Amino acid sequence: MPPLLRPESNADTRPPRAAFTADEWRIVRRLSTPARVQAFLNALPYNTEPPPDPTTLRTFRGVARTGTAHCLEAALTAAVVLEQHGYPPLVMSLESIDGLDHVIFIYQSRGRWGSVARSRDPGLHGRRPVFRSLRALAQSYFEPYVDRTGCVRGYGAVDLRVLNRYDWRLADGNVWRVSQLLYDIPHRPIRSSAARVDRLRLRYFRFVREHPGQKPLYYDRRTWSPLPR
């Protein structure tokens, strides 16, 4: 099972500049590095899809128009923007035991892996490009993922160009086929002892009991990208 699902062809399928509106292109031109994209996403309100609003899966176009994004919308935004600067549109799915999976944009710099991500939880944001493998990058999310119900059990990565002509970049509506793709790709297991998970969960419960309304930040943050305020 390959660690990263890639398209059969490496043909350049990036949309031309003319496909973007003037406002969209200003965003693309300004956000020329993963760090800049992460800072842009950090500044956006998180899309909580509050009722009675329906669930969404917006493209970069929808995110630029509405000024909000959840984790998968943020990953698609990073993929579209950074593809225009030469980065392949790669995303990773982190599979959780409670079905609340997380999706991040992934990239390489000098042979090391990093990520761009947005979340309601501080520990699930981006990582600096310091990881030797996709597995090591995925494992960096293990401890911060453990909360009341969550725990990473696997990871899968895919180049979104496998979707061929499907418009995951600039469509005006929701792109549900992307979420289906992420469910369907192979996921490699991440295993940990039950005792370790129990210790992490007890630590989490203790923190939220002692610090109501706060999110834990007691993890090793040396590899994290800057967090939203």
Protein backbone atom coordinates (compact mmCIF):
# COMPACT_ATOMS: atom_id res chain seq x y z
CA MET A 1 0.00 0.00 0.00
CA PRO A 2 1.65 3.28 -1.07
CA PRO A 3 1.94 5.98 1.60
CA LEU A 4 0.70 8.56 -0.90
CA LEU A 5 -1.88 7.98 -3.66
CA ARG A 6 -0.79 9.83 -6.79
CA PRO A 7 -2.34 10.35 -10.24
CA GLU A 8 -1.08 8.33 -13.18
CA SER A 9 0.06 11.48 -14.97
CA ASN A 10 2.10 14.39 -13.62
CA ALA A 11 0.63 16.78 -16.17
CA ASP A 12 0.23 20.37 -15.01
CA THR A 13 -3.51 20.81 -14.44
CA ARG A 14 -3.37 24.08 -12.52
CA PRO A 15 -6.12 26.54 -13.49
CA PRO A 16 -4.80 29.52 -15.45
CA ARG A 17 -4.77 32.96 -13.87
CA ALA A 18 -7.83 33.87 -15.92
CA ALA A 19 -9.88 31.26 -14.02
CA PHE A 20 -9.57 33.31 -10.81
CA THR A 21 -11.36 36.53 -9.99
CA ALA A 22 -9.25 39.60 -9.28
CA ASP A 23 -9.83 39.26 -5.53
CA GLU A 24 -8.97 35.56 -5.58
CA TRP A 25 -5.79 36.15 -7.52
CA ARG A 26 -4.65 38.81 -5.05
CA ILE A 27 -4.95 36.20 -2.30
CA VAL A 28 -3.08 33.61 -4.38
CA ARG A 29 -0.29 36.01 -5.29
CA ARG A 30 0.18 37.19 -1.69
CA LEU A 31 0.18 33.73 -0.09
CA SER A 32 3.29 32.34 -1.76
CA THR A 33 4.52 30.05 1.06
CA PRO A 34 2.95 27.51 3.42
CA ALA A 35 3.66 29.83 6.36
CA ARG A 36 1.73 32.66 4.71
CA VAL A 37 -1.20 30.39 3.91
CA GLN A 38 -1.24 29.17 7.52
CA ALA A 39 -1.30 32.76 8.78
CA PHE A 40 -4.16 33.58 6.38
CA LEU A 41 -6.19 30.59 7.58
CA ASN A 42 -5.43 31.38 11.22
CA ALA A 43 -7.02 34.80 10.74
CA LEU A 44 -10.29 33.35 9.42
CA PRO A 45 -13.15 32.47 11.78
CA TYR A 46 -13.59 28.70 11.98
CA ASN A 47 -16.60 27.46 10.02
CA THR A 48 -18.63 25.71 12.71
CA GLU A 49 -21.54 25.17 10.28
CA PRO A 50 -23.96 26.43 12.95
CA PRO A 51 -27.59 25.20 12.75
CA PRO A 52 -29.87 25.82 10.99
CA ASP A 53 -27.24 26.35 8.29
CA PRO A 54 -26.46 23.18 6.30
CA THR A 55 -23.09 21.47 6.33
CA THR A 56 -20.65 22.73 3.73
CA LEU A 57 -17.60 21.68 1.78
CA ARG A 58 -16.55 24.83 -0.02
CA THR A 59 -13.71 25.24 -2.46
CA PHE A 60 -11.10 28.00 -2.28
CA ARG A 61 -13.61 30.17 -4.13
CA GLY A 62 -16.23 29.62 -1.44
CA VAL A 63 -13.74 30.26 1.36
CA ALA A 64 -12.54 33.48 -0.27
CA ARG A 65 -16.14 34.62 -0.69
CA THR A 66 -17.40 33.76 2.81
CA GLY A 67 -14.22 34.39 4.82
CA THR A 68 -14.54 31.24 6.92
CA ALA A 69 -13.31 27.65 6.70
CA HIS A 70 -13.40 24.34 8.54
CA CYS A 71 -10.55 21.84 8.41
CA LEU A 72 -11.22 20.31 4.99
CA GLU A 73 -12.11 23.67 3.44
CA ALA A 74 -8.82 25.03 4.81
CA ALA A 75 -6.88 22.10 3.34
CA LEU A 76 -8.48 22.67 -0.07
CA THR A 77 -7.70 26.38 0.14
CA ALA A 78 -4.05 25.65 0.89
CA ALA A 79 -3.92 23.12 -1.96
CA VAL A 80 -5.34 25.56 -4.51
CA VAL A 81 -3.21 28.52 -3.46
CA LEU A 82 0.09 26.68 -3.09
CA GLU A 83 -0.43 24.69 -6.28
CA GLN A 84 -0.09 28.01 -8.09
CA HIS A 85 3.33 28.39 -6.45
CA GLY A 86 4.58 24.97 -7.49
CA TYR A 87 3.44 22.74 -4.60
CA PRO A 88 1.53 19.58 -5.54
CA PRO A 89 -2.03 19.52 -4.10
CA LEU A 90 -1.48 16.88 -1.41
CA VAL A 91 -3.75 16.30 1.57
CA MET A 92 -3.65 13.86 4.47
CA SER A 93 -6.64 12.30 6.20
CA LEU A 94 -6.24 11.51 9.90
CA GLU A 95 -8.78 8.85 10.82
CA SER A 96 -10.20 8.94 14.36
CA ILE A 97 -11.93 6.18 16.32
CA ASP A 98 -14.97 8.45 16.84
CA GLY A 99 -15.43 9.24 13.14
CA LEU A 100 -14.43 12.90 13.60
CA ASP A 101 -11.56 12.77 11.11
CA HIS A 102 -9.18 15.63 10.39
CA VAL A 103 -7.73 16.72 7.04
CA ILE A 104 -4.53 18.70 6.50
CA PHE A 105 -2.57 20.00 3.53
CA ILE A 106 0.91 18.43 3.37
CA TYR A 107 4.07 19.53 1.61
CA GLN A 108 7.79 18.88 1.43
CA SER A 109 10.64 21.31 1.97
CA ARG A 110 14.25 20.13 1.64
CA GLY A 111 13.06 16.55 1.82
CA ARG A 112 11.10 16.98 5.07
CA TRP A 113 7.32 16.95 5.50
CA GLY A 114 5.19 19.72 6.99
CA SER A 115 1.53 20.68 6.99
CA VAL A 116 -0.96 23.54 6.84
CA ALA A 117 -4.16 23.03 8.81
CA ARG A 118 -7.07 24.68 10.61
CA SER A 119 -9.01 23.29 13.53
CA ARG A 120 -11.02 24.15 16.63
CA ASP A 121 -8.28 22.42 18.62
CA PRO A 122 -4.85 24.10 18.90
CA GLY A 123 -2.87 20.87 18.56
CA LEU A 124 -4.38 20.03 15.17
CA HIS A 125 -3.03 23.04 13.28
CA GLY A 126 -0.01 23.06 10.99
CA ARG A 127 3.45 21.60 11.48
CA ARG A 128 6.82 22.94 10.40
CA PRO A 129 8.58 20.88 7.69
CA VAL A 130 10.80 18.82 9.96
CA PHE A 131 9.39 15.29 9.60
CA ARG A 132 11.28 12.58 7.74
CA SER A 133 8.17 10.63 6.71
CA LEU A 134 4.42 10.93 6.37
CA ARG A 135 4.04 8.50 9.26
CA ALA A 136 6.14 10.73 11.53
CA LEU A 137 4.05 13.74 10.50
CA ALA A 138 0.81 11.86 11.22
CA GLN A 139 2.14 10.66 14.58
CA SER A 140 2.78 14.26 15.63
CA TYR A 141 -1.01 14.64 15.77
CA PHE A 142 -1.59 11.60 17.99
CA GLU A 143 -1.32 13.14 21.46
CA PRO A 144 -3.23 16.39 20.68
CA TYR A 145 -6.02 14.34 19.09
CA VAL A 146 -6.90 12.51 22.30
CA ASP A 147 -9.88 14.16 23.99
CA ARG A 148 -13.23 12.85 25.28
CA THR A 149 -13.77 10.58 22.27
CA GLY A 150 -11.00 11.17 19.72
CA CYS A 151 -7.91 9.13 18.98
CA VAL A 152 -6.06 8.78 15.67
CA ARG A 153 -6.06 5.23 14.38
CA GLY A 154 -4.75 5.72 10.84
CA TYR A 155 -3.62 8.09 8.13
CA GLY A 156 -3.87 8.27 4.35
CA ALA A 157 -2.53 10.78 1.85
CA VAL A 158 -3.59 11.63 -1.68
CA ASP A 159 -2.74 13.98 -4.53
CA LEU A 160 -6.05 15.65 -5.37
CA ARG A 161 -5.19 15.53 -9.05
CA VAL A 162 -6.48 11.93 -8.99
CA LEU A 163 -9.92 13.56 -9.25
CA ASN A 164 -9.06 14.49 -12.84
CA ARG A 165 -11.68 16.88 -14.26
CA TYR A 166 -13.72 17.16 -11.07
CA ASP A 167 -13.61 20.83 -10.03
CA TRP A 168 -12.47 20.72 -6.40
CA ARG A 169 -10.60 24.00 -6.83
CA LEU A 170 -13.05 26.70 -7.91
CA ALA A 171 -16.56 25.24 -8.04
CA ASP A 172 -19.25 27.52 -6.60
CA GLY A 173 -21.04 24.74 -4.72
CA ASN A 174 -20.06 21.99 -2.31
CA VAL A 175 -17.52 19.38 -3.43
CA TRP A 176 -18.66 16.26 -1.59
CA ARG A 177 -16.69 14.00 -3.90
CA VAL A 178 -13.53 15.15 -2.10
CA SER A 179 -14.77 13.88 1.26
CA GLN A 180 -15.78 10.58 -0.36
CA LEU A 181 -12.29 10.27 -1.85
CA LEU A 182 -10.74 10.74 1.60
CA TYR A 183 -12.95 7.99 3.03
CA ASP A 184 -12.04 5.65 0.18
CA ILE A 185 -8.25 5.99 0.06
CA PRO A 186 -6.17 3.40 1.93
CA HIS A 187 -5.26 4.35 5.48
CA ARG A 188 -2.18 3.01 7.21
CA PRO A 189 -2.70 2.13 10.88
CA ILE A 190 -1.22 4.09 13.75
CA ARG A 191 -1.11 1.89 16.80
CA SER A 192 -0.61 2.77 20.44
CA SER A 193 -1.14 0.98 23.71
CA ALA A 194 -4.46 1.32 25.49
CA ALA A 195 -2.55 2.35 28.60
CA ARG A 196 -0.97 5.30 26.81
CA VAL A 197 -4.34 6.45 25.46
CA ASP A 198 -5.89 6.14 28.92
CA ARG A 199 -3.12 8.30 30.41
CA LEU A 200 -3.58 10.95 27.73
CA ARG A 201 -7.35 10.97 28.18
CA LEU A 202 -7.10 11.27 31.95
CA ARG A 203 -4.68 14.18 31.50
CA TYR A 204 -7.16 15.83 29.14
CA PHE A 205 -10.09 15.38 31.57
CA ARG A 206 -8.01 16.79 34.41
CA PHE A 207 -7.10 19.86 32.37
CA VAL A 208 -10.65 20.70 31.26
CA ARG A 209 -11.89 20.20 34.82
CA GLU A 210 -9.28 22.61 36.19
CA HIS A 211 -9.46 25.09 33.27
CA PRO A 212 -13.11 25.36 32.13
CA GLY A 213 -13.55 26.70 28.61
CA GLN A 214 -9.85 26.40 27.71
CA LYS A 215 -8.04 24.13 25.26
CA PRO A 216 -4.91 22.26 26.40
CA LEU A 217 -1.53 23.53 25.24
CA TYR A 218 0.69 21.32 27.38
CA TYR A 219 2.09 19.34 24.42
CA ASP A 220 5.57 19.57 22.93
CA ARG A 221 5.01 22.48 20.53
CA ARG A 222 8.49 22.73 19.01
CA THR A 223 7.30 21.46 15.61
CA TRP A 224 4.03 23.41 15.52
CA SER A 225 3.40 26.35 13.23
CA PRO A 226 2.12 29.56 14.92
CA LEU A 227 -1.41 29.23 16.31
CA PRO A 228 -4.41 31.51 15.84
CA ARG A 229 -4.94 34.03 18.59
